[in-house]
Amino acid sequence: MSDQPRVESYEFGRIEIDGRMYTADVIILPSGVRSNWWREEGHALRPGDLSTVLEATPKVLVIGQGAQGCMSVTDETLTCLEQAGIEAVCAPTGQAVEIYNERCKRGEVVAAAFHLTC
């Protein structure tokens, strides 16, 4: 079992990670949670929005695109992650939370970027 942060629950606008509730978008790295994450363009994920992820170099980045999947992930971002050797998994946030927790259970080095609304 991994000692990476674990998502305990998610609902529109709220996510609980290791017993702490967050109400703004978050990045989860193997080393901890970065709260109040925001992007240059609110509903488009660009490489510059992921500088902390790129520095941490996880094997996998699970991207939660919002409750209804409204946050787009640009081709430029996917290419940047691929070039960094990071597998990108994109899904609506509810599904992305399940994927993140499962990949952590497998012992993979996983990061996540979760948009909590939309």
Protein backbone atom coordinates (compact mmCIF):
# COMPACT_ATOMS: atom_id res chain seq x y z
CA MET A 1 0.00 0.00 0.00
CA SER A 2 1.25 3.44 -0.89
CA ASP A 3 1.83 6.26 1.60
CA GLN A 4 0.89 8.85 -1.03
CA PRO A 5 -2.00 11.19 -0.20
CA ARG A 6 -5.37 9.40 -0.44
CA VAL A 7 -8.60 10.94 -1.65
CA GLU A 8 -11.34 9.94 0.77
CA SER A 9 -14.29 11.63 -0.93
CA TYR A 10 -15.26 13.97 -3.75
CA GLU A 11 -18.40 15.89 -4.55
CA PHE A 12 -18.95 18.97 -6.68
CA GLY A 13 -16.72 21.72 -5.27
CA ARG A 14 -15.28 19.64 -2.37
CA ILE A 15 -12.60 17.00 -2.02
CA GLU A 16 -11.32 15.31 1.14
CA ILE A 17 -7.69 14.21 1.12
CA ASP A 18 -6.16 12.48 4.14
CA GLY A 19 -8.85 13.86 6.44
CA ARG A 20 -8.63 17.47 5.22
CA MET A 21 -11.38 19.12 3.18
CA TYR A 22 -10.48 21.34 0.21
CA THR A 23 -12.93 23.58 -1.63
CA ALA A 24 -10.62 24.80 -4.41
CA ASP A 25 -8.81 22.92 -7.16
CA VAL A 26 -5.81 20.88 -6.01
CA ILE A 27 -2.66 19.23 -7.27
CA ILE A 28 -1.67 16.09 -5.41
CA LEU A 29 1.98 15.07 -5.58
CA PRO A 30 3.48 11.98 -3.95
CA SER A 31 4.98 14.40 -1.39
CA GLY A 32 1.73 16.20 -0.53
CA VAL A 33 -1.16 18.43 -1.59
CA ARG A 34 -0.89 21.84 -3.27
CA SER A 35 -4.17 23.63 -2.62
CA ASN A 36 -5.82 26.54 -4.42
CA TRP A 37 -4.43 25.45 -7.79
CA TRP A 38 -5.48 27.70 -10.65
CA ARG A 39 -4.75 27.78 -14.35
CA GLU A 40 -3.87 30.59 -16.77
CA GLU A 41 -7.15 29.88 -18.56
CA GLY A 42 -9.63 28.48 -16.05
CA HIS A 43 -11.07 25.74 -18.25
CA ALA A 44 -8.02 24.86 -20.35
CA LEU A 45 -5.04 22.97 -18.95
CA ARG A 46 -1.73 24.17 -20.37
CA PRO A 47 1.85 23.01 -19.68
CA GLY A 48 2.64 26.07 -17.56
CA ASP A 49 -0.16 25.10 -15.19
CA LEU A 50 1.68 21.91 -14.29
CA SER A 51 5.15 23.17 -13.36
CA THR A 52 5.05 21.49 -9.92
CA VAL A 53 4.00 18.19 -11.51
CA LEU A 54 6.74 18.38 -14.13
CA GLU A 55 9.32 19.04 -11.39
CA ALA A 56 8.08 16.07 -9.33
CA THR A 57 8.25 13.70 -12.35
CA PRO A 58 5.62 11.15 -11.32
CA LYS A 59 5.04 8.15 -13.58
CA VAL A 60 1.35 9.04 -13.96
CA LEU A 61 -0.71 12.24 -13.80
CA VAL A 62 -4.44 11.73 -13.32
CA ILE A 63 -6.30 14.81 -14.51
CA GLY A 64 -9.78 15.45 -13.14
CA GLN A 65 -11.49 17.61 -15.74
CA GLY A 66 -14.37 18.73 -13.50
CA ALA A 67 -17.67 17.16 -12.50
CA GLN A 68 -18.96 17.34 -16.08
CA GLY A 69 -15.54 17.21 -17.74
CA CYS A 70 -15.54 20.90 -18.76
CA MET A 71 -11.81 21.52 -18.32
CA SER A 72 -10.05 20.73 -21.59
CA VAL A 73 -6.53 19.36 -21.74
CA THR A 74 -4.67 20.90 -24.66
CA ASP A 75 -2.69 18.79 -27.11
CA GLU A 76 0.35 20.87 -26.15
CA THR A 77 -0.10 19.73 -22.53
CA LEU A 78 -0.44 16.07 -23.46
CA THR A 79 2.68 16.31 -25.64
CA CYS A 80 4.62 18.05 -22.85
CA LEU A 81 3.67 15.32 -20.35
CA GLU A 82 4.57 12.58 -22.83
CA GLN A 83 7.96 14.17 -23.51
CA ALA A 84 8.57 14.29 -19.74
CA GLY A 85 7.82 10.56 -19.52
CA ILE A 86 4.58 11.13 -17.59
CA GLU A 87 1.49 9.10 -18.53
CA ALA A 88 -1.62 11.33 -18.63
CA VAL A 89 -5.00 9.89 -17.67
CA CYS A 90 -7.90 12.31 -18.22
CA ALA A 91 -11.45 11.84 -16.92
CA PRO A 92 -14.29 13.69 -15.19
CA THR A 93 -13.17 14.32 -11.62
CA GLY A 94 -15.37 11.69 -9.93
CA GLN A 95 -13.93 8.97 -12.16
CA ALA A 96 -10.44 10.47 -11.97
CA VAL A 97 -10.51 10.20 -8.15
CA GLU A 98 -11.25 6.47 -8.43
CA ILE A 99 -8.44 6.03 -10.98
CA TYR A 100 -6.01 7.98 -8.79
CA ASN A 101 -6.77 5.91 -5.68
CA GLU A 102 -6.51 2.64 -7.63
CA ARG A 103 -3.17 3.56 -9.20
CA CYS A 104 -1.85 4.55 -5.74
CA LYS A 105 -2.97 1.18 -4.34
CA ARG A 106 -0.93 -0.51 -7.05
CA GLY A 107 2.13 1.31 -5.72
CA GLU A 108 2.59 3.53 -8.76
CA VAL A 109 4.12 7.00 -8.35
CA VAL A 110 1.03 9.05 -9.13
CA ALA A 111 0.17 12.74 -9.13
CA ALA A 112 -3.22 14.30 -9.73
CA ALA A 113 -4.61 17.63 -10.87
CA PHE A 114 -8.27 17.91 -9.88
CA HIS A 115 -10.70 20.59 -11.07
CA LEU A 116 -13.52 20.37 -8.51
CA THR A 117 -16.40 22.15 -10.24
CA CYS A 118 -17.88 22.36 -13.76
